[in-house]
Amino acid sequence: MDSPAEHVVVDNPERRRFEVRMGRRVLGWAAYEQTPQMLVFTHTEVSPKWEHRGLGSLLVRTTLDHARRQGLQVLPMCPFVRAWIYRHPDYADLVHQPPAADGRPPTAAGPADDAVV
């Protein structure tokens, strides 16, 4: 297995994705749409040759750390990102919770609880 130090995650805003790279080679990416308050993750992919080496986790963790530093919420439309956050509840606070249908903020028993994650 390659050393994690060989891999770097960079934002490629022109392509609207974060990329995990080894040197100049792109091994995987997490596509996103961005608003002033939120990153919406739409798709995550790692090259089949590089799957099961922890690159997807490195990619998601790094992008969520970026969102936290920027004060952004996230909307994990991508099933991989959604499942990763579910397995790492210390990132659940980043997930956007839409208000209830009546406009009230979500509560512990509110309908938004199962909306995302």
PDB file of N, CA and C in Angstrom:
ATOM      1  N   MET A   1       0.847  -1.185   0.000  1.00  0.00           N
ATOM      2  CA  MET A   1       0.000   0.000   0.000  1.00  0.00           C
ATOM      3  C   MET A   1       0.885   1.238   0.000  1.00  0.00           C
ATOM      4  N   ASP A   2       0.435   2.268  -0.666  1.00  0.00           N
ATOM      5  CA  ASP A   2       1.181   3.516  -0.724  1.00  0.00           C
ATOM      6  C   ASP A   2       1.046   4.268   0.581  1.00  0.00           C
ATOM      7  N   SER A   3       2.041   5.063   0.873  1.00  0.00           N
ATOM      8  CA  SER A   3       2.007   5.897   2.070  1.00  0.00           C
ATOM      9  C   SER A   3       0.998   7.015   1.883  1.00  0.00           C
ATOM     10  N   PRO A   4       0.170   7.308   2.912  1.00  0.00           N
ATOM     11  CA  PRO A   4      -0.778   8.418   2.790  1.00  0.00           C
ATOM     12  C   PRO A   4      -0.085   9.740   2.489  1.00  0.00           C
ATOM     13  N   ALA A   5       1.179   9.868   2.887  1.00  0.00           N
ATOM     14  CA  ALA A   5       1.902  11.113   2.626  1.00  0.00           C
ATOM     15  C   ALA A   5       2.099  11.339   1.132  1.00  0.00           C
ATOM     16  N   GLU A   6       1.990  10.274   0.338  1.00  0.00           N
ATOM     17  CA  GLU A   6       2.150  10.404  -1.108  1.00  0.00           C
ATOM     18  C   GLU A   6       0.909  10.992  -1.762  1.00  0.00           C
ATOM     19  N   HIS A   7      -0.194  11.001  -1.038  1.00  0.00           N
ATOM     20  CA  HIS A   7      -1.468  11.460  -1.591  1.00  0.00           C
ATOM     21  C   HIS A   7      -1.825  12.818  -1.019  1.00  0.00           C
ATOM     22  N   VAL A   8      -2.329  13.673  -1.881  1.00  0.00           N
ATOM     23  CA  VAL A   8      -2.749  15.003  -1.456  1.00  0.00           C
ATOM     24  C   VAL A   8      -4.139  15.271  -2.025  1.00  0.00           C
ATOM     25  N   VAL A   9      -4.958  15.979  -1.260  1.00  0.00           N
ATOM     26  CA  VAL A   9      -6.294  16.366  -1.719  1.00  0.00           C
ATOM     27  C   VAL A   9      -6.265  17.854  -2.016  1.00  0.00           C
ATOM     28  N   VAL A  10      -6.715  18.215  -3.215  1.00  0.00           N
ATOM     29  CA  VAL A  10      -6.737  19.617  -3.631  1.00  0.00           C
ATOM     30  C   VAL A  10      -8.110  19.966  -4.174  1.00  0.00           C
ATOM     31  N   ASP A  11      -8.475  21.222  -4.010  1.00  0.00           N
ATOM     32  CA  ASP A  11      -9.721  21.727  -4.586  1.00  0.00           C
ATOM     33  C   ASP A  11      -9.444  22.135  -6.024  1.00  0.00           C
ATOM     34  N   ASN A  12     -10.263  21.683  -6.946  1.00  0.00           N
ATOM     35  CA  ASN A  12     -10.180  22.077  -8.345  1.00  0.00           C
ATOM     36  C   ASN A  12     -11.491  22.792  -8.677  1.00  0.00           C
ATOM     37  N   PRO A  13     -11.593  24.095  -8.323  1.00  0.00           N
ATOM     38  CA  PRO A  13     -12.874  24.799  -8.484  1.00  0.00           C
ATOM     39  C   PRO A  13     -13.342  24.900  -9.937  1.00  0.00           C
ATOM     40  N   GLU A  14     -12.421  24.886 -10.895  1.00  0.00           N
ATOM     41  CA  GLU A  14     -12.833  24.948 -12.300  1.00  0.00           C
ATOM     42  C   GLU A  14     -13.658  23.720 -12.686  1.00  0.00           C
ATOM     43  N   ARG A  15     -13.334  22.573 -12.083  1.00  0.00           N
ATOM     44  CA  ARG A  15     -14.074  21.343 -12.369  1.00  0.00           C
ATOM     45  C   ARG A  15     -15.098  21.036 -11.283  1.00  0.00           C
ATOM     46  N   ARG A  16     -15.180  21.931 -10.274  1.00  0.00           N
ATOM     47  CA  ARG A  16     -16.111  21.784  -9.149  1.00  0.00           C
ATOM     48  C   ARG A  16     -15.955  20.415  -8.492  1.00  0.00           C
ATOM     49  N   ARG A  17     -14.718  20.141  -8.105  1.00  0.00           N
ATOM     50  CA  ARG A  17     -14.462  18.897  -7.403  1.00  0.00           C
ATOM     51  C   ARG A  17     -13.164  18.987  -6.602  1.00  0.00           C
ATOM     52  N   PHE A  18     -13.133  18.206  -5.531  1.00  0.00           N
ATOM     53  CA  PHE A  18     -11.899  17.989  -4.793  1.00  0.00           C
ATOM     54  C   PHE A  18     -11.276  16.736  -5.387  1.00  0.00           C
ATOM     55  N   GLU A  19      -9.963  16.762  -5.570  1.00  0.00           N
ATOM     56  CA  GLU A  19      -9.274  15.630  -6.176  1.00  0.00           C
ATOM     57  C   GLU A  19      -8.233  15.074  -5.221  1.00  0.00           C
ATOM     58  N   VAL A  20      -8.123  13.759  -5.173  1.00  0.00           N
ATOM     59  CA  VAL A  20      -7.021  13.128  -4.452  1.00  0.00           C
ATOM     60  C   VAL A  20      -5.993  12.757  -5.526  1.00  0.00           C
ATOM     61  N   ARG A  21      -4.775  13.232  -5.309  1.00  0.00           N
ATOM     62  CA  ARG A  21      -3.725  13.065  -6.311  1.00  0.00           C
ATOM     63  C   ARG A  21      -2.499  12.388  -5.717  1.00  0.00           C
ATOM     64  N   MET A  22      -1.777  11.741  -6.602  1.00  0.00           N
ATOM     65  CA  MET A  22      -0.445  11.256  -6.296  1.00  0.00           C
ATOM     66  C   MET A  22       0.429  11.863  -7.388  1.00  0.00           C
ATOM     67  N   GLY A  23       1.224  12.844  -6.986  1.00  0.00           N
ATOM     68  CA  GLY A  23       1.943  13.614  -7.993  1.00  0.00           C
ATOM     69  C   GLY A  23       0.935  14.392  -8.818  1.00  0.00           C
ATOM     70  N   ARG A  24       1.027  14.270 -10.133  1.00  0.00           N
ATOM     71  CA  ARG A  24       0.079  14.963 -11.014  1.00  0.00           C
ATOM     72  C   ARG A  24      -1.097  14.072 -11.411  1.00  0.00           C
ATOM     73  N   ARG A  25      -1.072  12.852 -10.952  1.00  0.00           N
ATOM     74  CA  ARG A  25      -2.098  11.873 -11.328  1.00  0.00           C
ATOM     75  C   ARG A  25      -3.316  11.974 -10.406  1.00  0.00           C
ATOM     76  N   VAL A  26      -4.507  12.119 -10.995  1.00  0.00           N
ATOM     77  CA  VAL A  26      -5.760  12.169 -10.234  1.00  0.00           C
ATOM     78  C   VAL A  26      -6.237  10.729 -10.024  1.00  0.00           C
ATOM     79  N   LEU A  27      -6.376  10.358  -8.736  1.00  0.00           N
ATOM     80  CA  LEU A  27      -6.791   8.999  -8.388  1.00  0.00           C
ATOM     81  C   LEU A  27      -8.268   8.912  -8.029  1.00  0.00           C
ATOM     82  N   GLY A  28      -8.863  10.046  -7.687  1.00  0.00           N
ATOM     83  CA  GLY A  28     -10.273  10.077  -7.323  1.00  0.00           C
ATOM     84  C   GLY A  28     -10.726  11.503  -7.118  1.00  0.00           C
ATOM     85  N   TRP A  29     -12.050  11.673  -6.978  1.00  0.00           N
ATOM     86  CA  TRP A  29     -12.585  13.016  -6.793  1.00  0.00           C
ATOM     87  C   TRP A  29     -13.937  12.972  -6.103  1.00  0.00           C
ATOM     88  N   ALA A  30     -14.278  14.116  -5.538  1.00  0.00           N
ATOM     89  CA  ALA A  30     -15.598  14.340  -4.943  1.00  0.00           C
ATOM     90  C   ALA A  30     -16.166  15.585  -5.612  1.00  0.00           C
ATOM     91  N   ALA A  31     -17.182  15.396  -6.435  1.00  0.00           N
ATOM     92  CA  ALA A  31     -17.802  16.508  -7.156  1.00  0.00           C
ATOM     93  C   ALA A  31     -18.740  17.265  -6.222  1.00  0.00           C
ATOM     94  N   TYR A  32     -18.821  18.579  -6.424  1.00  0.00           N
ATOM     95  CA  TYR A  32     -19.657  19.401  -5.554  1.00  0.00           C
ATOM     96  C   TYR A  32     -20.234  20.586  -6.306  1.00  0.00           C
ATOM     97  N   GLU A  33     -21.285  21.123  -5.744  1.00  0.00           N
ATOM     98  CA  GLU A  33     -21.828  22.430  -6.105  1.00  0.00           C
ATOM     99  C   GLU A  33     -21.658  23.275  -4.854  1.00  0.00           C
ATOM    100  N   GLN A  34     -21.402  24.557  -5.028  1.00  0.00           N
ATOM    101  CA  GLN A  34     -21.189  25.406  -3.851  1.00  0.00           C
ATOM    102  C   GLN A  34     -22.096  26.620  -3.890  1.00  0.00           C
ATOM    103  N   THR A  35     -22.653  26.920  -2.725  1.00  0.00           N
ATOM    104  CA  THR A  35     -23.381  28.162  -2.507  1.00  0.00           C
ATOM    105  C   THR A  35     -22.574  28.943  -1.476  1.00  0.00           C
ATOM    106  N   PRO A  36     -22.949  30.178  -1.172  1.00  0.00           N
ATOM    107  CA  PRO A  36     -22.188  30.913  -0.153  1.00  0.00           C
ATOM    108  C   PRO A  36     -22.177  30.233   1.218  1.00  0.00           C
ATOM    109  N   GLN A  37     -23.180  29.424   1.526  1.00  0.00           N
ATOM    110  CA  GLN A  37     -23.258  28.797   2.847  1.00  0.00           C
ATOM    111  C   GLN A  37     -23.031  27.286   2.848  1.00  0.00           C
ATOM    112  N   MET A  38     -22.922  26.654   1.673  1.00  0.00           N
ATOM    113  CA  MET A  38     -22.997  25.197   1.654  1.00  0.00           C
ATOM    114  C   MET A  38     -22.200  24.570   0.515  1.00  0.00           C
ATOM    115  N   LEU A  39     -21.666  23.364   0.800  1.00  0.00           N
ATOM    116  CA  LEU A  39     -21.119  22.484  -0.232  1.00  0.00           C
ATOM    117  C   LEU A  39     -22.099  21.326  -0.398  1.00  0.00           C
ATOM    118  N   VAL A  40     -22.543  21.097  -1.616  1.00  0.00           N
ATOM    119  CA  VAL A  40     -23.438  19.986  -1.927  1.00  0.00           C
ATOM    120  C   VAL A  40     -22.602  18.930  -2.650  1.00  0.00           C
ATOM    121  N   PHE A  41     -22.389  17.783  -2.007  1.00  0.00           N
ATOM    122  CA  PHE A  41     -21.600  16.715  -2.616  1.00  0.00           C
ATOM    123  C   PHE A  41     -22.511  15.855  -3.474  1.00  0.00           C
ATOM    124  N   THR A  42     -22.182  15.773  -4.771  1.00  0.00           N
ATOM    125  CA  THR A  42     -23.049  15.091  -5.723  1.00  0.00           C
ATOM    126  C   THR A  42     -22.537  13.725  -6.159  1.00  0.00           C
ATOM    127  N   HIS A  43     -21.224  13.517  -6.134  1.00  0.00           N
ATOM    128  CA  HIS A  43     -20.676  12.241  -6.606  1.00  0.00           C
ATOM    129  C   HIS A  43     -19.240  12.103  -6.124  1.00  0.00           C
ATOM    130  N   THR A  44     -18.883  10.909  -5.722  1.00  0.00           N
ATOM    131  CA  THR A  44     -17.507  10.611  -5.330  1.00  0.00           C
ATOM    132  C   THR A  44     -17.059   9.379  -6.098  1.00  0.00           C
ATOM    133  N   GLU A  45     -15.837   9.435  -6.586  1.00  0.00           N
ATOM    134  CA  GLU A  45     -15.324   8.309  -7.358  1.00  0.00           C
ATOM    135  C   GLU A  45     -13.832   8.149  -7.110  1.00  0.00           C
ATOM    136  N   VAL A  46     -13.401   6.910  -6.974  1.00  0.00           N
ATOM    137  CA  VAL A  46     -11.983   6.566  -6.899  1.00  0.00           C
ATOM    138  C   VAL A  46     -11.725   5.578  -8.028  1.00  0.00           C
ATOM    139  N   SER A  47     -10.631   5.782  -8.738  1.00  0.00           N
ATOM    140  CA  SER A  47     -10.266   4.883  -9.824  1.00  0.00           C
ATOM    141  C   SER A  47     -10.255   3.441  -9.320  1.00  0.00           C
ATOM    142  N   PRO A  48     -10.839   2.501 -10.079  1.00  0.00           N
ATOM    143  CA  PRO A  48     -10.905   1.112  -9.616  1.00  0.00           C
ATOM    144  C   PRO A  48      -9.554   0.549  -9.165  1.00  0.00           C
ATOM    145  N   LYS A  49      -8.500   0.938  -9.829  1.00  0.00           N
ATOM    146  CA  LYS A  49      -7.164   0.458  -9.458  1.00  0.00           C
ATOM    147  C   LYS A  49      -6.766   0.913  -8.052  1.00  0.00           C
ATOM    148  N   TRP A  50      -7.366   2.000  -7.578  1.00  0.00           N
ATOM    149  CA  TRP A  50      -6.970   2.595  -6.298  1.00  0.00           C
ATOM    150  C   TRP A  50      -8.025   2.424  -5.212  1.00  0.00           C
ATOM    151  N   GLU A  51      -9.071   1.648  -5.486  1.00  0.00           N
ATOM    152  CA  GLU A  51     -10.110   1.417  -4.479  1.00  0.00           C
ATOM    153  C   GLU A  51      -9.575   0.593  -3.309  1.00  0.00           C
ATOM    154  N   HIS A  52     -10.246   0.698  -2.176  1.00  0.00           N
ATOM    155  CA  HIS A  52      -9.946  -0.089  -0.967  1.00  0.00           C
ATOM    156  C   HIS A  52      -8.561   0.203  -0.401  1.00  0.00           C
ATOM    157  N   ARG A  53      -8.097   1.424  -0.584  1.00  0.00           N
ATOM    158  CA  ARG A  53      -6.809   1.843  -0.025  1.00  0.00           C
ATOM    159  C   ARG A  53      -6.968   3.046   0.900  1.00  0.00           C
ATOM    160  N   GLY A  54      -8.222   3.395   1.198  1.00  0.00           N
ATOM    161  CA  GLY A  54      -8.468   4.505   2.108  1.00  0.00           C
ATOM    162  C   GLY A  54      -8.501   5.870   1.442  1.00  0.00           C
ATOM    163  N   LEU A  55      -8.423   5.900   0.105  1.00  0.00           N
ATOM    164  CA  LEU A  55      -8.399   7.197  -0.577  1.00  0.00           C
ATOM    165  C   LEU A  55      -9.751   7.896  -0.525  1.00  0.00           C
ATOM    166  N   GLY A  56     -10.839   7.133  -0.594  1.00  0.00           N
ATOM    167  CA  GLY A  56     -12.167   7.742  -0.476  1.00  0.00           C
ATOM    168  C   GLY A  56     -12.341   8.402   0.878  1.00  0.00           C
ATOM    169  N   SER A  57     -11.901   7.729   1.924  1.00  0.00           N
ATOM    170  CA  SER A  57     -11.983   8.309   3.274  1.00  0.00           C
ATOM    171  C   SER A  57     -11.100   9.537   3.401  1.00  0.00           C
ATOM    172  N   LEU A  58      -9.885   9.459   2.872  1.00  0.00           N
ATOM    173  CA  LEU A  58      -8.995  10.624   2.896  1.00  0.00           C
ATOM    174  C   LEU A  58      -9.649  11.801   2.185  1.00  0.00           C
ATOM    175  N   LEU A  59     -10.248  11.538   1.049  1.00  0.00           N
ATOM    176  CA  LEU A  59     -10.901  12.574   0.255  1.00  0.00           C
ATOM    177  C   LEU A  59     -12.060  13.211   1.012  1.00  0.00           C
ATOM    178  N   VAL A  60     -12.943  12.395   1.561  1.00  0.00           N
ATOM    179  CA  VAL A  60     -14.113  12.928   2.263  1.00  0.00           C
ATOM    180  C   VAL A  60     -13.695  13.667   3.529  1.00  0.00           C
ATOM    181  N   ARG A  61     -12.809  13.078   4.317  1.00  0.00           N
ATOM    182  CA  ARG A  61     -12.368  13.732   5.557  1.00  0.00           C
ATOM    183  C   ARG A  61     -11.742  15.104   5.253  1.00  0.00           C
ATOM    184  N   THR A  62     -10.907  15.155   4.231  1.00  0.00           N
ATOM    185  CA  THR A  62     -10.243  16.414   3.891  1.00  0.00           C
ATOM    186  C   THR A  62     -11.243  17.456   3.410  1.00  0.00           C
ATOM    187  N   THR A  63     -12.222  17.045   2.599  1.00  0.00           N
ATOM    188  CA  THR A  63     -13.206  18.012   2.103  1.00  0.00           C
ATOM    189  C   THR A  63     -14.106  18.506   3.229  1.00  0.00           C
ATOM    190  N   LEU A  64     -14.465  17.617   4.149  1.00  0.00           N
ATOM    191  CA  LEU A  64     -15.295  18.050   5.282  1.00  0.00           C
ATOM    192  C   LEU A  64     -14.507  18.959   6.225  1.00  0.00           C
ATOM    193  N   ASP A  65     -13.225  18.679   6.413  1.00  0.00           N
ATOM    194  CA  ASP A  65     -12.389  19.578   7.216  1.00  0.00           C
ATOM    195  C   ASP A  65     -12.318  20.958   6.562  1.00  0.00           C
ATOM    196  N   HIS A  66     -12.232  20.986   5.236  1.00  0.00           N
ATOM    197  CA  HIS A  66     -12.239  22.254   4.494  1.00  0.00           C
ATOM    198  C   HIS A  66     -13.558  22.998   4.739  1.00  0.00           C
ATOM    199  N   ALA A  67     -14.676  22.282   4.633  1.00  0.00           N
ATOM    200  CA  ALA A  67     -15.983  22.911   4.862  1.00  0.00           C
ATOM    201  C   ALA A  67     -16.052  23.495   6.267  1.00  0.00           C
ATOM    202  N   ARG A  68     -15.565  22.762   7.248  1.00  0.00           N
ATOM    203  CA  ARG A  68     -15.587  23.243   8.633  1.00  0.00           C
ATOM    204  C   ARG A  68     -14.756  24.527   8.775  1.00  0.00           C
ATOM    205  N   ARG A  69     -13.563  24.530   8.203  1.00  0.00           N
ATOM    206  CA  ARG A  69     -12.702  25.730   8.285  1.00  0.00           C
ATOM    207  C   ARG A  69     -13.355  26.940   7.614  1.00  0.00           C
ATOM    208  N   GLN A  70     -14.108  26.697   6.546  1.00  0.00           N
ATOM    209  CA  GLN A  70     -14.751  27.785   5.807  1.00  0.00           C
ATOM    210  C   GLN A  70     -16.102  28.178   6.401  1.00  0.00           C
ATOM    211  N   GLY A  71     -16.558  27.474   7.419  1.00  0.00           N
ATOM    212  CA  GLY A  71     -17.853  27.766   8.029  1.00  0.00           C
ATOM    213  C   GLY A  71     -19.024  27.359   7.156  1.00  0.00           C
ATOM    214  N   LEU A  72     -18.838  26.322   6.332  1.00  0.00           N
ATOM    215  CA  LEU A  72     -19.881  25.871   5.418  1.00  0.00           C
ATOM    216  C   LEU A  72     -20.609  24.656   5.970  1.00  0.00           C
ATOM    217  N   GLN A  73     -21.887  24.571   5.660  1.00  0.00           N
ATOM    218  CA  GLN A  73     -22.644  23.354   5.909  1.00  0.00           C
ATOM    219  C   GLN A  73     -22.439  22.452   4.698  1.00  0.00           C
ATOM    220  N   VAL A  74     -22.787  21.182   4.838  1.00  0.00           N
ATOM    221  CA  VAL A  74     -22.691  20.265   3.707  1.00  0.00           C
ATOM    222  C   VAL A  74     -24.032  19.570   3.502  1.00  0.00           C
ATOM    223  N   LEU A  75     -24.295  19.244   2.259  1.00  0.00           N
ATOM    224  CA  LEU A  75     -25.473  18.462   1.895  1.00  0.00           C
ATOM    225  C   LEU A  75     -24.950  17.250   1.124  1.00  0.00           C
ATOM    226  N   PRO A  76     -24.886  16.084   1.773  1.00  0.00           N
ATOM    227  CA  PRO A  76     -24.300  14.900   1.136  1.00  0.00           C
ATOM    228  C   PRO A  76     -25.306  14.149   0.263  1.00  0.00           C
ATOM    229  N   MET A  77     -25.484  14.603  -0.957  1.00  0.00           N
ATOM    230  CA  MET A  77     -26.358  13.902  -1.902  1.00  0.00           C
ATOM    231  C   MET A  77     -25.702  12.603  -2.372  1.00  0.00           C
ATOM    232  N   CYS A  78     -24.387  12.565  -2.354  1.00  0.00           N
ATOM    233  CA  CYS A  78     -23.626  11.379  -2.743  1.00  0.00           C
ATOM    234  C   CYS A  78     -23.755  10.312  -1.654  1.00  0.00           C
ATOM    235  N   PRO A  79     -24.159   9.093  -2.013  1.00  0.00           N
ATOM    236  CA  PRO A  79     -24.317   8.043  -1.002  1.00  0.00           C
ATOM    237  C   PRO A  79     -23.028   7.716  -0.246  1.00  0.00           C
ATOM    238  N   PHE A  80     -21.881   7.793  -0.913  1.00  0.00           N
ATOM    239  CA  PHE A  80     -20.618   7.496  -0.229  1.00  0.00           C
ATOM    240  C   PHE A  80     -20.346   8.527   0.858  1.00  0.00           C
ATOM    241  N   VAL A  81     -20.514   9.801   0.542  1.00  0.00           N
ATOM    242  CA  VAL A  81     -20.282  10.861   1.531  1.00  0.00           C
ATOM    243  C   VAL A  81     -21.292  10.738   2.668  1.00  0.00           C
ATOM    244  N   ARG A  82     -22.552  10.493   2.334  1.00  0.00           N
ATOM    245  CA  ARG A  82     -23.592  10.346   3.359  1.00  0.00           C
ATOM    246  C   ARG A  82     -23.251   9.194   4.308  1.00  0.00           C
ATOM    247  N   ALA A  83     -22.850   8.039   3.762  1.00  0.00           N
ATOM    248  CA  ALA A  83     -22.505   6.879   4.594  1.00  0.00           C
ATOM    249  C   ALA A  83     -21.255   7.156   5.428  1.00  0.00           C
ATOM    250  N   TRP A  84     -20.285   7.864   4.859  1.00  0.00           N
ATOM    251  CA  TRP A  84     -19.055   8.173   5.588  1.00  0.00           C
ATOM    252  C   TRP A  84     -19.377   9.047   6.798  1.00  0.00           C
ATOM    253  N   ILE A  85     -20.218  10.048   6.610  1.00  0.00           N
ATOM    254  CA  ILE A  85     -20.594  10.920   7.731  1.00  0.00           C
ATOM    255  C   ILE A  85     -21.352  10.117   8.786  1.00  0.00           C
ATOM    256  N   TYR A  86     -22.201   9.214   8.366  1.00  0.00           N
ATOM    257  CA  TYR A  86     -22.942   8.378   9.313  1.00  0.00           C
ATOM    258  C   TYR A  86     -21.982   7.563  10.182  1.00  0.00           C
ATOM    259  N   ARG A  87     -20.901   7.073   9.571  1.00  0.00           N
ATOM    260  CA  ARG A  87     -19.910   6.282  10.314  1.00  0.00           C
ATOM    261  C   ARG A  87     -18.952   7.148  11.131  1.00  0.00           C
ATOM    262  N   HIS A  88     -18.947   8.444  10.901  1.00  0.00           N
ATOM    263  CA  HIS A  88     -18.066   9.381  11.611  1.00  0.00           C
ATOM    264  C   HIS A  88     -18.919  10.525  12.165  1.00  0.00           C
ATOM    265  N   PRO A  89     -19.667  10.269  13.241  1.00  0.00           N
ATOM    266  CA  PRO A  89     -20.635  11.248  13.746  1.00  0.00           C
ATOM    267  C   PRO A  89     -20.020  12.568  14.207  1.00  0.00           C
ATOM    268  N   ASP A  90     -18.701  12.620  14.364  1.00  0.00           N
ATOM    269  CA  ASP A  90     -18.085  13.891  14.726  1.00  0.00           C
ATOM    270  C   ASP A  90     -18.174  14.908  13.586  1.00  0.00           C
ATOM    271  N   TYR A  91     -18.624  14.482  12.412  1.00  0.00           N
ATOM    272  CA  TYR A  91     -18.832  15.402  11.292  1.00  0.00           C
ATOM    273  C   TYR A  91     -20.315  15.700  11.054  1.00  0.00           C
ATOM    274  N   ALA A  92     -21.203  15.080  11.812  1.00  0.00           N
ATOM    275  CA  ALA A  92     -22.645  15.240  11.595  1.00  0.00           C
ATOM    276  C   ALA A  92     -23.110  16.678  11.782  1.00  0.00           C
ATOM    277  N   ASP A  93     -22.401  17.452  12.596  1.00  0.00           N
ATOM    278  CA  ASP A  93     -22.806  18.844  12.818  1.00  0.00           C
ATOM    279  C   ASP A  93     -22.684  19.694  11.558  1.00  0.00           C
ATOM    280  N   LEU A  94     -21.951  19.228  10.561  1.00  0.00           N
ATOM    281  CA  LEU A  94     -21.801  19.985   9.317  1.00  0.00           C
ATOM    282  C   LEU A  94     -22.992  19.814   8.381  1.00  0.00           C
ATOM    283  N   VAL A  95     -23.780  18.765   8.596  1.00  0.00           N
ATOM    284  CA  VAL A  95     -24.854  18.422   7.662  1.00  0.00           C
ATOM    285  C   VAL A  95     -26.004  19.409   7.777  1.00  0.00           C
ATOM    286  N   HIS A  96     -26.377  19.958   6.636  1.00  0.00           N
ATOM    287  CA  HIS A  96     -27.502  20.893   6.558  1.00  0.00           C
ATOM    288  C   HIS A  96     -28.793  20.165   6.916  1.00  0.00           C
ATOM    289  N   GLN A  97     -29.543  20.756   7.827  1.00  0.00           N
ATOM    290  CA  GLN A  97     -30.857  20.231   8.198  1.00  0.00           C
ATOM    291  C   GLN A  97     -31.900  21.254   7.766  1.00  0.00           C
ATOM    292  N   PRO A  98     -32.677  20.941   6.738  1.00  0.00           N
ATOM    293  CA  PRO A  98     -33.680  21.897   6.276  1.00  0.00           C
ATOM    294  C   PRO A  98     -34.741  22.128   7.339  1.00  0.00           C
ATOM    295  N   PRO A  99     -35.347  23.319   7.338  1.00  0.00           N
ATOM    296  CA  PRO A  99     -36.414  23.581   8.303  1.00  0.00           C
ATOM    297  C   PRO A  99     -37.618  22.686   8.028  1.00  0.00           C
ATOM    298  N   ALA A 100     -38.434  22.519   9.036  1.00  0.00           N
ATOM    299  CA  ALA A 100     -39.669  21.747   8.888  1.00  0.00           C
ATOM    300  C   ALA A 100     -40.575  22.428   7.863  1.00  0.00           C
ATOM    301  N   ALA A 101     -41.549  21.694   7.374  1.00  0.00           N
ATOM    302  CA  ALA A 101     -42.466  22.223   6.358  1.00  0.00           C
ATOM    303  C   ALA A 101     -43.166  23.493   6.822  1.00  0.00           C
ATOM    304  N   ASP A 102     -43.349  23.642   8.131  1.00  0.00           N
ATOM    305  CA  ASP A 102     -44.012  24.839   8.635  1.00  0.00           C
ATOM    306  C   ASP A 102     -43.024  25.981   8.884  1.00  0.00           C
ATOM    307  N   GLY A 103     -41.754  25.793   8.483  1.00  0.00           N
ATOM    308  CA  GLY A 103     -40.769  26.855   8.602  1.00  0.00           C
ATOM    309  C   GLY A 103     -40.006  26.879   9.910  1.00  0.00           C
ATOM    310  N   ARG A 104     -40.423  26.043  10.867  1.00  0.00           N
ATOM    311  CA  ARG A 104     -39.709  26.009  12.143  1.00  0.00           C
ATOM    312  C   ARG A 104     -38.383  25.279  11.969  1.00  0.00           C
ATOM    313  N   PRO A 105     -37.383  25.621  12.783  1.00  0.00           N
ATOM    314  CA  PRO A 105     -36.118  24.882  12.712  1.00  0.00           C
ATOM    315  C   PRO A 105     -36.342  23.426  13.102  1.00  0.00           C
ATOM    316  N   PRO A 106     -35.498  22.509  12.604  1.00  0.00           N
ATOM    317  CA  PRO A 106     -35.662  21.106  12.980  1.00  0.00           C
ATOM    318  C   PRO A 106     -35.420  20.906  14.470  1.00  0.00           C
ATOM    319  N   THR A 107     -36.129  19.931  15.032  1.00  0.00           N
ATOM    320  CA  THR A 107     -35.942  19.584  16.439  1.00  0.00           C
ATOM    321  C   THR A 107     -35.512  18.128  16.511  1.00  0.00           C
ATOM    322  N   ALA A 108     -35.210  17.670  17.711  1.00  0.00           N
ATOM    323  CA  ALA A 108     -34.767  16.281  17.875  1.00  0.00           C
ATOM    324  C   ALA A 108     -35.809  15.299  17.369  1.00  0.00           C
ATOM    325  N   ALA A 109     -37.082  15.669  17.431  1.00  0.00           N
ATOM    326  CA  ALA A 109     -38.135  14.772  16.965  1.00  0.00           C
ATOM    327  C   ALA A 109     -38.763  15.260  15.671  1.00  0.00           C
ATOM    328  N   GLY A 110     -38.140  16.239  15.031  1.00  0.00           N
ATOM    329  CA  GLY A 110     -38.729  16.849  13.851  1.00  0.00           C
ATOM    330  C   GLY A 110     -38.547  16.035  12.588  1.00  0.00           C
ATOM    331  N   PRO A 111     -39.285  16.394  11.548  1.00  0.00           N
ATOM    332  CA  PRO A 111     -39.255  15.656  10.297  1.00  0.00           C
ATOM    333  C   PRO A 111     -37.918  15.745   9.582  1.00  0.00           C
ATOM    334  N   ALA A 112     -37.097  16.726   9.892  1.00  0.00           N
ATOM    335  CA  ALA A 112     -35.821  16.866   9.198  1.00  0.00           C
ATOM    336  C   ALA A 112     -34.781  15.880   9.703  1.00  0.00           C
ATOM    337  N   ASP A 113     -35.051  15.188  10.814  1.00  0.00           N
ATOM    338  CA  ASP A 113     -34.053  14.288  11.379  1.00  0.00           C
ATOM    339  C   ASP A 113     -33.606  13.204  10.413  1.00  0.00           C
ATOM    340  N   ASP A 114     -34.518  12.691   9.600  1.00  0.00           N
ATOM    341  CA  ASP A 114     -34.110  11.649   8.679  1.00  0.00           C
ATOM    342  C   ASP A 114     -33.968  12.169   7.253  1.00  0.00           C
ATOM    343  N   ALA A 115     -33.937  13.487   7.089  1.00  0.00           N
ATOM    344  CA  ALA A 115     -33.830  14.066   5.758  1.00  0.00           C
ATOM    345  C   ALA A 115     -32.481  13.760   5.130  1.00  0.00           C
ATOM    346  N   VAL A 116     -31.421  13.850   5.904  1.00  0.00           N
ATOM    347  CA  VAL A 116     -30.071  13.623   5.402  1.00  0.00           C
ATOM    348  C   VAL A 116     -29.284  12.932   6.492  1.00  0.00           C
ATOM    349  N   VAL A 117     -28.476  11.978   6.108  1.00  0.00           N
ATOM    350  CA  VAL A 117     -27.567  11.204   6.967  1.00  0.00           C
ATOM    351  C   VAL A 117     -28.269  10.134   7.725  1.00  0.00           C
TER     352      VAL A 117
END
